[in-house]
PDB file of all heavy atoms in Angstrom:
ATOM      1  N   LEU A   1      80.809  86.184  85.932  1.00  0.00           N
ATOM      2  CA  LEU A   1      80.853  87.297  86.905  1.00  0.00           C
ATOM      3  C   LEU A   1      82.050  87.158  87.750  1.00  0.00           C
ATOM      4  O   LEU A   1      82.623  88.089  88.025  1.00  0.00           O
ATOM      5  CB  LEU A   1      79.624  87.292  87.678  1.00  0.00           C
ATOM      6  CG  LEU A   1      78.415  88.000  87.086  1.00  0.00           C
ATOM      7  CD1 LEU A   1      77.196  87.869  88.066  1.00  0.00           C
ATOM      8  CD2 LEU A   1      78.720  89.461  86.867  1.00  0.00           C
ATOM      9  N   TYR A   2      82.370  85.915  88.074  1.00  0.00           N
ATOM     10  CA  TYR A   2      83.466  85.775  89.064  1.00  0.00           C
ATOM     11  C   TYR A   2      84.811  85.889  88.315  1.00  0.00           C
ATOM     12  O   TYR A   2      85.768  86.404  88.893  1.00  0.00           O
ATOM     13  CB  TYR A   2      83.339  84.322  89.746  1.00  0.00           C
ATOM     14  CG  TYR A   2      84.267  84.079  90.840  1.00  0.00           C
ATOM     15  CD1 TYR A   2      83.950  84.489  92.169  1.00  0.00           C
ATOM     16  CD2 TYR A   2      85.405  83.291  90.545  1.00  0.00           C
ATOM     17  CE1 TYR A   2      84.848  84.334  93.196  1.00  0.00           C
ATOM     18  CE2 TYR A   2      86.211  83.187  91.784  1.00  0.00           C
ATOM     19  CZ  TYR A   2      85.959  83.576  92.946  1.00  0.00           C
ATOM     20  OH  TYR A   2      86.759  83.345  94.040  1.00  0.00           O
ATOM     21  N   SER A   3      84.932  85.312  87.186  1.00  0.00           N
ATOM     22  CA  SER A   3      86.198  85.158  86.550  1.00  0.00           C
ATOM     23  C   SER A   3      86.560  86.393  85.511  1.00  0.00           C
ATOM     24  O   SER A   3      87.674  86.646  85.339  1.00  0.00           O
ATOM     25  CB  SER A   3      86.302  83.862  85.693  1.00  0.00           C
ATOM     26  OG  SER A   3      85.251  83.881  84.613  1.00  0.00           O
ATOM     27  N   ARG A   4      85.525  87.184  85.265  1.00  0.00           N
ATOM     28  CA  ARG A   4      85.707  88.246  84.234  1.00  0.00           C
ATOM     29  C   ARG A   4      84.835  89.544  84.654  1.00  0.00           C
ATOM     30  O   ARG A   4      83.867  89.833  83.749  1.00  0.00           O
ATOM     31  CB  ARG A   4      85.392  87.832  82.820  1.00  0.00           C
ATOM     32  CG  ARG A   4      86.437  86.789  82.203  1.00  0.00           C
ATOM     33  CD  ARG A   4      85.870  86.089  80.992  1.00  0.00           C
ATOM     34  NE  ARG A   4      85.820  87.193  79.953  1.00  0.00           N
ATOM     35  CZ  ARG A   4      86.758  87.549  79.112  1.00  0.00           C
ATOM     36  NH1 ARG A   4      87.955  86.982  79.277  1.00  0.00           N
ATOM     37  NH2 ARG A   4      86.612  88.431  78.146  1.00  0.00           N
ATOM     38  N   PRO A   5      84.922  89.946  85.816  1.00  0.00           N
ATOM     39  CA  PRO A   5      84.017  91.099  86.230  1.00  0.00           C
ATOM     40  C   PRO A   5      84.325  92.284  85.290  1.00  0.00           C
ATOM     41  O   PRO A   5      85.502  92.624  84.851  1.00  0.00           O
ATOM     42  CB  PRO A   5      84.604  91.405  87.499  1.00  0.00           C
ATOM     43  CG  PRO A   5      85.971  90.807  87.681  1.00  0.00           C
ATOM     44  CD  PRO A   5      85.918  89.619  86.809  1.00  0.00           C
ATOM     45  N   LYS A   6      83.127  92.937  84.800  1.00  0.00           N
ATOM     46  CA  LYS A   6      83.307  94.031  83.946  1.00  0.00           C
ATOM     47  C   LYS A   6      83.934  95.259  84.436  1.00  0.00           C
ATOM     48  O   LYS A   6      84.589  95.961  83.690  1.00  0.00           O
ATOM     49  CB  LYS A   6      81.840  94.307  83.415  1.00  0.00           C
ATOM     50  CG  LYS A   6      81.745  95.379  82.319  1.00  0.00           C
ATOM     51  CD  LYS A   6      80.391  95.678  81.922  1.00  0.00           C
ATOM     52  CE  LYS A   6      80.235  96.764  80.752  1.00  0.00           C
ATOM     53  NZ  LYS A   6      78.824  96.952  80.521  1.00  0.00           N
ATOM     54  N   ASN A   7      83.712  95.478  85.759  1.00  0.00           N
ATOM     55  CA  ASN A   7      84.402  96.668  86.262  1.00  0.00           C
ATOM     56  C   ASN A   7      84.701  96.545  87.783  1.00  0.00           C
ATOM     57  O   ASN A   7      84.532  95.442  88.212  1.00  0.00           O
ATOM     58  CB  ASN A   7      83.424  97.957  86.145  1.00  0.00           C
ATOM     59  CG  ASN A   7      82.049  97.600  86.702  1.00  0.00           C
ATOM     60  OD1 ASN A   7      81.903  96.949  87.832  1.00  0.00           O
ATOM     61  ND2 ASN A   7      80.954  98.028  86.119  1.00  0.00           N
ATOM     62  N   ARG A   8      85.368  97.620  88.372  1.00  0.00           N
ATOM     63  CA  ARG A   8      85.952  97.433  89.619  1.00  0.00           C
ATOM     64  C   ARG A   8      84.723  97.205  90.647  1.00  0.00           C
ATOM     65  O   ARG A   8      84.923  96.440  91.594  1.00  0.00           O
ATOM     66  CB  ARG A   8      86.630  98.803  90.031  1.00  0.00           C
ATOM     67  CG  ARG A   8      87.095  98.713  91.393  1.00  0.00           C
ATOM     68  CD  ARG A   8      87.966  99.980  91.777  1.00  0.00           C
ATOM     69  NE  ARG A   8      88.203  99.959  93.257  1.00  0.00           N
ATOM     70  CZ  ARG A   8      89.362 100.454  93.735  1.00  0.00           C
ATOM     71  NH1 ARG A   8      90.270 101.003  92.934  1.00  0.00           N
ATOM     72  NH2 ARG A   8      89.566 100.432  95.113  1.00  0.00           N
ATOM     73  N   PHE A   9      83.565  97.787  90.405  1.00  0.00           N
ATOM     74  CA  PHE A   9      82.443  97.461  91.432  1.00  0.00           C
ATOM     75  C   PHE A   9      82.061  96.083  91.503  1.00  0.00           C
ATOM     76  O   PHE A   9      82.039  95.463  92.573  1.00  0.00           O
ATOM     77  CB  PHE A   9      81.211  98.342  91.124  1.00  0.00           C
ATOM     78  CG  PHE A   9      80.092  98.050  92.125  1.00  0.00           C
ATOM     79  CD1 PHE A   9      79.929  98.535  93.250  1.00  0.00           C
ATOM     80  CD2 PHE A   9      79.124  97.134  91.606  1.00  0.00           C
ATOM     81  CE1 PHE A   9      79.042  98.103  94.174  1.00  0.00           C
ATOM     82  CE2 PHE A   9      78.027  96.803  92.443  1.00  0.00           C
ATOM     83  CZ  PHE A   9      77.944  97.280  93.678  1.00  0.00           C
ATOM     84  N   VAL A  10      81.869  95.458  90.240  1.00  0.00           N
ATOM     85  CA  VAL A  10      81.550  94.096  90.186  1.00  0.00           C
ATOM     86  C   VAL A  10      82.595  93.133  90.844  1.00  0.00           C
ATOM     87  O   VAL A  10      82.377  92.180  91.505  1.00  0.00           O
ATOM     88  CB  VAL A  10      81.138  93.598  88.786  1.00  0.00           C
ATOM     89  CG1 VAL A  10      80.857  92.088  88.646  1.00  0.00           C
ATOM     90  CG2 VAL A  10      79.967  94.397  88.241  1.00  0.00           C
ATOM     91  N   ALA A  11      83.944  93.497  90.536  1.00  0.00           N
ATOM     92  CA  ALA A  11      84.976  92.868  91.037  1.00  0.00           C
ATOM     93  C   ALA A  11      85.001  92.744  92.559  1.00  0.00           C
ATOM     94  O   ALA A  11      85.298  91.769  93.198  1.00  0.00           O
ATOM     95  CB  ALA A  11      86.328  93.290  90.547  1.00  0.00           C
ATOM     96  N   GLY A  12      84.689  93.933  93.252  1.00  0.00           N
ATOM     97  CA  GLY A  12      84.781  94.009  94.631  1.00  0.00           C
ATOM     98  C   GLY A  12      83.474  93.356  95.311  1.00  0.00           C
ATOM     99  O   GLY A  12      83.641  93.004  96.447  1.00  0.00           O
ATOM    100  N   PHE A  13      82.399  93.326  94.569  1.00  0.00           N
ATOM    101  CA  PHE A  13      81.161  92.826  95.256  1.00  0.00           C
ATOM    102  C   PHE A  13      80.967  91.388  95.135  1.00  0.00           C
ATOM    103  O   PHE A  13      80.495  90.802  96.056  1.00  0.00           O
ATOM    104  CB  PHE A  13      79.957  93.525  94.529  1.00  0.00           C
ATOM    105  CG  PHE A  13      78.618  93.378  95.161  1.00  0.00           C
ATOM    106  CD1 PHE A  13      78.306  93.978  96.388  1.00  0.00           C
ATOM    107  CD2 PHE A  13      77.802  92.455  94.730  1.00  0.00           C
ATOM    108  CE1 PHE A  13      77.144  93.644  97.115  1.00  0.00           C
ATOM    109  CE2 PHE A  13      76.553  92.114  95.296  1.00  0.00           C
ATOM    110  CZ  PHE A  13      76.215  92.801  96.445  1.00  0.00           C
ATOM    111  N   ILE A  14      81.298  90.824  93.934  1.00  0.00           N
ATOM    112  CA  ILE A  14      81.182  89.412  93.757  1.00  0.00           C
ATOM    113  C   ILE A  14      82.334  88.635  94.266  1.00  0.00           C
ATOM    114  O   ILE A  14      83.493  88.848  93.920  1.00  0.00           O
ATOM    115  CB  ILE A  14      80.947  89.099  92.196  1.00  0.00           C
ATOM    116  CG1 ILE A  14      79.609  89.760  91.759  1.00  0.00           C
ATOM    117  CG2 ILE A  14      80.875  87.653  91.982  1.00  0.00           C
ATOM    118  CD1 ILE A  14      78.346  89.196  92.363  1.00  0.00           C
ATOM    119  N   GLY A  15      81.956  87.610  94.982  1.00  0.00           N
ATOM    120  CA  GLY A  15      83.060  86.800  95.558  1.00  0.00           C
ATOM    121  C   GLY A  15      83.200  86.936  97.093  1.00  0.00           C
ATOM    122  O   GLY A  15      82.990  88.043  97.574  1.00  0.00           O
ATOM    123  N   SER A  16      83.254  85.829  97.755  1.00  0.00           N
ATOM    124  CA  SER A  16      83.446  85.898  99.339  1.00  0.00           C
ATOM    125  C   SER A  16      84.543  84.976  99.755  1.00  0.00           C
ATOM    126  O   SER A  16      84.448  83.726  99.537  1.00  0.00           O
ATOM    127  CB  SER A  16      82.115  85.445  99.944  1.00  0.00           C
ATOM    128  OG  SER A  16      82.203  85.491 101.325  1.00  0.00           O
ATOM    129  N   PRO A  17      85.570  85.491 100.297  1.00  0.00           N
ATOM    130  CA  PRO A  17      85.804  86.866 100.646  1.00  0.00           C
ATOM    131  C   PRO A  17      85.989  87.677  99.367  1.00  0.00           C
ATOM    132  O   PRO A  17      86.252  87.180  98.207  1.00  0.00           O
ATOM    133  CB  PRO A  17      87.096  86.922 101.477  1.00  0.00           C
ATOM    134  CG  PRO A  17      87.801  85.619 101.102  1.00  0.00           C
ATOM    135  CD  PRO A  17      86.682  84.604 100.754  1.00  0.00           C
ATOM    136  N   ALA A  18      86.050  89.051  99.494  1.00  0.00           N
ATOM    137  CA  ALA A  18      86.113  89.941  98.494  1.00  0.00           C
ATOM    138  C   ALA A  18      87.425  89.857  97.675  1.00  0.00           C
ATOM    139  O   ALA A  18      88.557  89.551  98.442  1.00  0.00           O
ATOM    140  CB  ALA A  18      85.786  91.351  98.857  1.00  0.00           C
ATOM    141  N   MET A  19      87.385  90.204  96.408  1.00  0.00           N
ATOM    142  CA  MET A  19      88.768  90.370  95.650  1.00  0.00           C
ATOM    143  C   MET A  19      89.641  91.508  96.344  1.00  0.00           C
ATOM    144  O   MET A  19      89.110  92.503  96.869  1.00  0.00           O
ATOM    145  CB  MET A  19      88.332  90.704  94.280  1.00  0.00           C
ATOM    146  CG  MET A  19      89.683  90.910  93.421  1.00  0.00           C
ATOM    147  SD  MET A  19      89.194  91.415  91.781  1.00  0.00           S
ATOM    148  CE  MET A  19      88.424  90.060  90.939  1.00  0.00           C
ATOM    149  N   ASN A  20      90.844  91.261  96.463  1.00  0.00           N
ATOM    150  CA  ASN A  20      91.777  92.325  96.797  1.00  0.00           C
ATOM    151  C   ASN A  20      91.855  93.306  95.646  1.00  0.00           C
ATOM    152  O   ASN A  20      92.150  93.003  94.515  1.00  0.00           O
ATOM    153  CB  ASN A  20      93.178  91.780  96.992  1.00  0.00           C
ATOM    154  CG  ASN A  20      93.281  90.810  98.249  1.00  0.00           C
ATOM    155  OD1 ASN A  20      93.152  91.244  99.411  1.00  0.00           O
ATOM    156  ND2 ASN A  20      93.474  89.510  98.013  1.00  0.00           N
ATOM    157  N   LEU A  21      91.701  94.582  95.979  1.00  0.00           N
ATOM    158  CA  LEU A  21      91.618  95.744  94.895  1.00  0.00           C
ATOM    159  C   LEU A  21      92.784  96.607  95.362  1.00  0.00           C
ATOM    160  O   LEU A  21      92.662  97.330  96.413  1.00  0.00           O
ATOM    161  CB  LEU A  21      90.297  96.301  94.831  1.00  0.00           C
ATOM    162  CG  LEU A  21      89.218  95.503  94.304  1.00  0.00           C
ATOM    163  CD1 LEU A  21      87.886  96.177  94.381  1.00  0.00           C
ATOM    164  CD2 LEU A  21      89.457  95.086  92.863  1.00  0.00           C
ATOM    165  N   ILE A  22      93.861  96.698  94.597  1.00  0.00           N
ATOM    166  CA  ILE A  22      95.061  97.478  94.930  1.00  0.00           C
ATOM    167  C   ILE A  22      95.218  98.621  93.931  1.00  0.00           C
ATOM    168  O   ILE A  22      95.405  98.224  92.667  1.00  0.00           O
ATOM    169  CB  ILE A  22      96.308  96.624  94.949  1.00  0.00           C
ATOM    170  CG1 ILE A  22      95.944  95.447  96.097  1.00  0.00           C
ATOM    171  CG2 ILE A  22      97.552  97.411  95.440  1.00  0.00           C
ATOM    172  CD1 ILE A  22      96.177  94.081  95.555  1.00  0.00           C
ATOM    173  N   ASP A  23      95.397  99.856  94.414  1.00  0.00           N
ATOM    174  CA  ASP A  23      95.727 100.937  93.530  1.00  0.00           C
ATOM    175  C   ASP A  23      97.144 100.899  93.160  1.00  0.00           C
ATOM    176  O   ASP A  23      97.990 100.725  94.033  1.00  0.00           O
ATOM    177  CB  ASP A  23      95.353 102.244  94.184  1.00  0.00           C
ATOM    178  CG  ASP A  23      93.783 102.482  94.429  1.00  0.00           C
ATOM    179  OD1 ASP A  23      93.028 101.822  93.530  1.00  0.00           O
ATOM    180  OD2 ASP A  23      93.296 103.135  95.297  1.00  0.00           O
ATOM    181  N   VAL A  24      97.405 101.198  91.834  1.00  0.00           N
ATOM    182  CA  VAL A  24      98.812 101.185  91.333  1.00  0.00           C
ATOM    183  C   VAL A  24      98.941 102.386  90.366  1.00  0.00           C
ATOM    184  O   VAL A  24      97.984 102.735  89.714  1.00  0.00           O
ATOM    185  CB  VAL A  24      99.126  99.784  90.636  1.00  0.00           C
ATOM    186  CG1 VAL A  24      99.211  98.771  91.482  1.00  0.00           C
ATOM    187  CG2 VAL A  24      98.237  99.600  89.533  1.00  0.00           C
ATOM    188  N   ASP A  25     100.101 102.925  90.434  1.00  0.00           N
ATOM    189  CA  ASP A  25     100.416 104.090  89.471  1.00  0.00           C
ATOM    190  C   ASP A  25     101.065 103.456  88.186  1.00  0.00           C
ATOM    191  O   ASP A  25     102.166 102.853  88.388  1.00  0.00           O
ATOM    192  CB  ASP A  25     101.195 105.154  90.155  1.00  0.00           C
ATOM    193  CG  ASP A  25     100.440 105.954  91.107  1.00  0.00           C
ATOM    194  OD1 ASP A  25      99.300 106.334  90.737  1.00  0.00           O
ATOM    195  OD2 ASP A  25     101.030 106.220  92.214  1.00  0.00           O
ATOM    196  N   VAL A  26     100.624 103.742  87.135  1.00  0.00           N
ATOM    197  CA  VAL A  26     101.204 103.221  85.838  1.00  0.00           C
ATOM    198  C   VAL A  26     101.834 104.449  85.162  1.00  0.00           C
ATOM    199  O   VAL A  26     101.228 105.348  84.803  1.00  0.00           O
ATOM    200  CB  VAL A  26     100.097 102.546  84.876  1.00  0.00           C
ATOM    201  CG1 VAL A  26     100.917 102.243  83.562  1.00  0.00           C
ATOM    202  CG2 VAL A  26      99.539 101.348  85.555  1.00  0.00           C
ATOM    203  N   SER A  27     103.173 104.334  85.060  1.00  0.00           N
ATOM    204  CA  SER A  27     103.907 105.493  84.536  1.00  0.00           C
ATOM    205  C   SER A  27     104.301 105.056  83.108  1.00  0.00           C
ATOM    206  O   SER A  27     103.821 104.078  82.540  1.00  0.00           O
ATOM    207  CB  SER A  27     105.231 105.837  85.356  1.00  0.00           C
ATOM    208  OG  SER A  27     105.996 104.553  85.363  1.00  0.00           O
ATOM    209  N   GLY A  28     105.189 105.924  82.472  1.00  0.00           N
ATOM    210  CA  GLY A  28     105.499 105.797  81.138  1.00  0.00           C
ATOM    211  C   GLY A  28     106.173 104.367  80.872  1.00  0.00           C
ATOM    212  O   GLY A  28     106.083 103.728  79.692  1.00  0.00           O
ATOM    213  N   ASP A  29     106.806 103.741  81.786  1.00  0.00           N
ATOM    214  CA  ASP A  29     107.504 102.486  81.588  1.00  0.00           C
ATOM    215  C   ASP A  29     106.456 101.321  81.788  1.00  0.00           C
ATOM    216  O   ASP A  29     106.801 100.225  81.693  1.00  0.00           O
ATOM    217  CB  ASP A  29     108.714 102.312  82.474  1.00  0.00           C
ATOM    218  CG  ASP A  29     108.332 102.351  83.970  1.00  0.00           C
ATOM    219  OD1 ASP A  29     107.107 102.370  84.345  1.00  0.00           O
ATOM    220  OD2 ASP A  29     109.188 102.314  84.789  1.00  0.00           O
ATOM    221  N   ARG A  30     105.134 101.582  81.968  1.00  0.00           N
ATOM    222  CA  ARG A  30     104.043 100.684  82.184  1.00  0.00           C
ATOM    223  C   ARG A  30     104.302  99.584  83.371  1.00  0.00           C
ATOM    224  O   ARG A  30     103.839  98.543  83.255  1.00  0.00           O
ATOM    225  CB  ARG A  30     103.987  99.826  80.884  1.00  0.00           C
ATOM    226  CG  ARG A  30     103.538 100.726  79.727  1.00  0.00           C
ATOM    227  CD  ARG A  30     102.161 101.314  79.885  1.00  0.00           C
ATOM    228  NE  ARG A  30     101.614 101.927  78.639  1.00  0.00           N
ATOM    229  CZ  ARG A  30     101.788 103.216  78.276  1.00  0.00           C
ATOM    230  NH1 ARG A  30     102.460 103.928  78.987  1.00  0.00           N
ATOM    231  NH2 ARG A  30     101.396 103.563  77.010  1.00  0.00           N
ATOM    232  N   GLY A  31     105.240  99.988  84.231  1.00  0.00           N
ATOM    233  CA  GLY A  31     105.517  99.164  85.342  1.00  0.00           C
ATOM    234  C   GLY A  31     104.336  98.790  86.315  1.00  0.00           C
ATOM    235  O   GLY A  31     103.716  99.906  86.685  1.00  0.00           O
ATOM    236  N   LEU A  32     103.995  97.596  86.602  1.00  0.00           N
ATOM    237  CA  LEU A  32     103.049  97.304  87.569  1.00  0.00           C
ATOM    238  C   LEU A  32     103.524  96.444  88.594  1.00  0.00           C
ATOM    239  O   LEU A  32     104.072  95.280  88.328  1.00  0.00           O
ATOM    240  CB  LEU A  32     101.840  96.453  86.734  1.00  0.00           C
ATOM    241  CG  LEU A  32     100.719  97.344  86.079  1.00  0.00           C
ATOM    242  CD1 LEU A  32      99.745  96.349  85.491  1.00  0.00           C
ATOM    243  CD2 LEU A  32     100.081  98.182  87.062  1.00  0.00           C
ATOM    244  N   LYS A  33     103.454  96.907  89.787  1.00  0.00           N
ATOM    245  CA  LYS A  33     104.025  96.130  90.968  1.00  0.00           C
ATOM    246  C   LYS A  33     102.991  96.109  92.110  1.00  0.00           C
ATOM    247  O   LYS A  33     102.312  97.045  92.305  1.00  0.00           O
ATOM    248  CB  LYS A  33     105.283  96.736  91.409  1.00  0.00           C
ATOM    249  CG  LYS A  33     106.534  96.395  90.485  1.00  0.00           C
ATOM    250  CD  LYS A  33     107.830  96.913  91.096  1.00  0.00           C
ATOM    251  CE  LYS A  33     109.088  96.503  90.269  1.00  0.00           C
ATOM    252  NZ  LYS A  33     109.209  94.986  90.213  1.00  0.00           N
ATOM    253  N   LEU A  34     103.020  95.031  92.876  1.00  0.00           N
ATOM    254  CA  LEU A  34     102.353  94.826  94.070  1.00  0.00           C
ATOM    255  C   LEU A  34     103.493  94.679  95.089  1.00  0.00           C
ATOM    256  O   LEU A  34     104.088  93.506  95.196  1.00  0.00           O
ATOM    257  CB  LEU A  34     101.443  93.722  94.220  1.00  0.00           C
ATOM    258  CG  LEU A  34     100.751  93.299  95.518  1.00  0.00           C
ATOM    259  CD1 LEU A  34      99.957  94.400  96.109  1.00  0.00           C
ATOM    260  CD2 LEU A  34     100.024  92.017  95.369  1.00  0.00           C
ATOM    261  N   GLY A  35     103.742  95.675  95.958  1.00  0.00           N
ATOM    262  CA  GLY A  35     104.881  95.674  96.775  1.00  0.00           C
ATOM    263  C   GLY A  35     106.124  95.394  95.969  1.00  0.00           C
ATOM    264  O   GLY A  35     106.307  96.252  95.134  1.00  0.00           O
ATOM    265  N   ASP A  36     106.770  94.377  96.249  1.00  0.00           N
ATOM    266  CA  ASP A  36     108.082  94.162  95.446  1.00  0.00           C
ATOM    267  C   ASP A  36     107.862  93.302  94.230  1.00  0.00           C
ATOM    268  O   ASP A  36     108.760  92.946  93.408  1.00  0.00           O
ATOM    269  CB  ASP A  36     109.152  93.455  96.347  1.00  0.00           C
ATOM    270  CG  ASP A  36     109.561  94.411  97.477  1.00  0.00           C
ATOM    271  OD1 ASP A  36     109.421  95.522  97.445  1.00  0.00           O
ATOM    272  OD2 ASP A  36     109.989  93.778  98.510  1.00  0.00           O
ATOM    273  N   LEU A  37     106.555  92.766  94.049  1.00  0.00           N
ATOM    274  CA  LEU A  37     106.189  91.796  92.980  1.00  0.00           C
ATOM    275  C   LEU A  37     105.966  92.433  91.617  1.00  0.00           C
ATOM    276  O   LEU A  37     105.052  93.414  91.739  1.00  0.00           O
ATOM    277  CB  LEU A  37     105.108  90.853  93.446  1.00  0.00           C
ATOM    278  CG  LEU A  37     105.434  89.836  94.512  1.00  0.00           C
ATOM    279  CD1 LEU A  37     104.094  89.084  94.887  1.00  0.00           C
ATOM    280  CD2 LEU A  37     106.355  88.777  93.956  1.00  0.00           C
ATOM    281  N   ASP A  38     106.295  92.008  90.613  1.00  0.00           N
ATOM    282  CA  ASP A  38     105.773  92.283  89.347  1.00  0.00           C
ATOM    283  C   ASP A  38     104.363  91.616  89.184  1.00  0.00           C
ATOM    284  O   ASP A  38     104.195  90.437  89.465  1.00  0.00           O
ATOM    285  CB  ASP A  38     106.555  91.830  88.199  1.00  0.00           C
ATOM    286  CG  ASP A  38     107.953  92.586  88.152  1.00  0.00           C
ATOM    287  OD1 ASP A  38     107.861  93.822  88.307  1.00  0.00           O
ATOM    288  OD2 ASP A  38     108.940  91.848  87.647  1.00  0.00           O
ATOM    289  N   VAL A  39     103.432  92.396  88.697  1.00  0.00           N
ATOM    290  CA  VAL A  39     102.056  91.888  88.590  1.00  0.00           C
ATOM    291  C   VAL A  39     101.889  91.103  87.311  1.00  0.00           C
ATOM    292  O   VAL A  39     102.120  91.706  86.236  1.00  0.00           O
ATOM    293  CB  VAL A  39     100.951  93.067  88.659  1.00  0.00           C
ATOM    294  CG1 VAL A  39      99.575  92.481  88.506  1.00  0.00           C
ATOM    295  CG2 VAL A  39     101.069  93.780  89.937  1.00  0.00           C
ATOM    296  N   PRO A  40     101.601  89.928  87.321  1.00  0.00           N
ATOM    297  CA  PRO A  40     101.474  89.067  86.199  1.00  0.00           C
ATOM    298  C   PRO A  40     100.087  89.391  85.412  1.00  0.00           C
ATOM    299  O   PRO A  40      98.970  89.422  86.122  1.00  0.00           O
ATOM    300  CB  PRO A  40     101.448  87.523  86.620  1.00  0.00           C
ATOM    301  CG  PRO A  40     100.900  87.655  88.030  1.00  0.00           C
ATOM    302  CD  PRO A  40     101.413  89.027  88.525  1.00  0.00           C
ATOM    303  N   LEU A  41     100.102  89.598  84.121  1.00  0.00           N
ATOM    304  CA  LEU A  41      98.934  90.002  83.412  1.00  0.00           C
ATOM    305  C   LEU A  41      98.843  89.042  82.266  1.00  0.00           C
ATOM    306  O   LEU A  41      99.958  88.530  81.613  1.00  0.00           O
ATOM    307  CB  LEU A  41      99.072  91.449  82.845  1.00  0.00           C
ATOM    308  CG  LEU A  41      99.072  92.476  83.853  1.00  0.00           C
ATOM    309  CD1 LEU A  41      99.345  93.880  83.146  1.00  0.00           C
ATOM    310  CD2 LEU A  41      97.878  92.571  84.744  1.00  0.00           C
ATOM    311  N   SER A  42      97.636  88.563  81.807  1.00  0.00           N
ATOM    312  CA  SER A  42      97.401  87.857  80.545  1.00  0.00           C
ATOM    313  C   SER A  42      97.941  88.730  79.431  1.00  0.00           C
ATOM    314  O   SER A  42      98.016  89.877  79.406  1.00  0.00           O
ATOM    315  CB  SER A  42      95.903  87.530  80.332  1.00  0.00           C
ATOM    316  OG  SER A  42      95.228  88.634  80.144  1.00  0.00           O
TER     317      SER A  42
END
């Protein structure tokens, strides 16, 4: 539950303090950024 939450609700509910949940727009170039940072994905 902690490491692989199935959806956004579980991700935000499980864990103390809560997971940071940040809305991002994914455009055609598939760019994902948090502020100036590229978001690392598996």
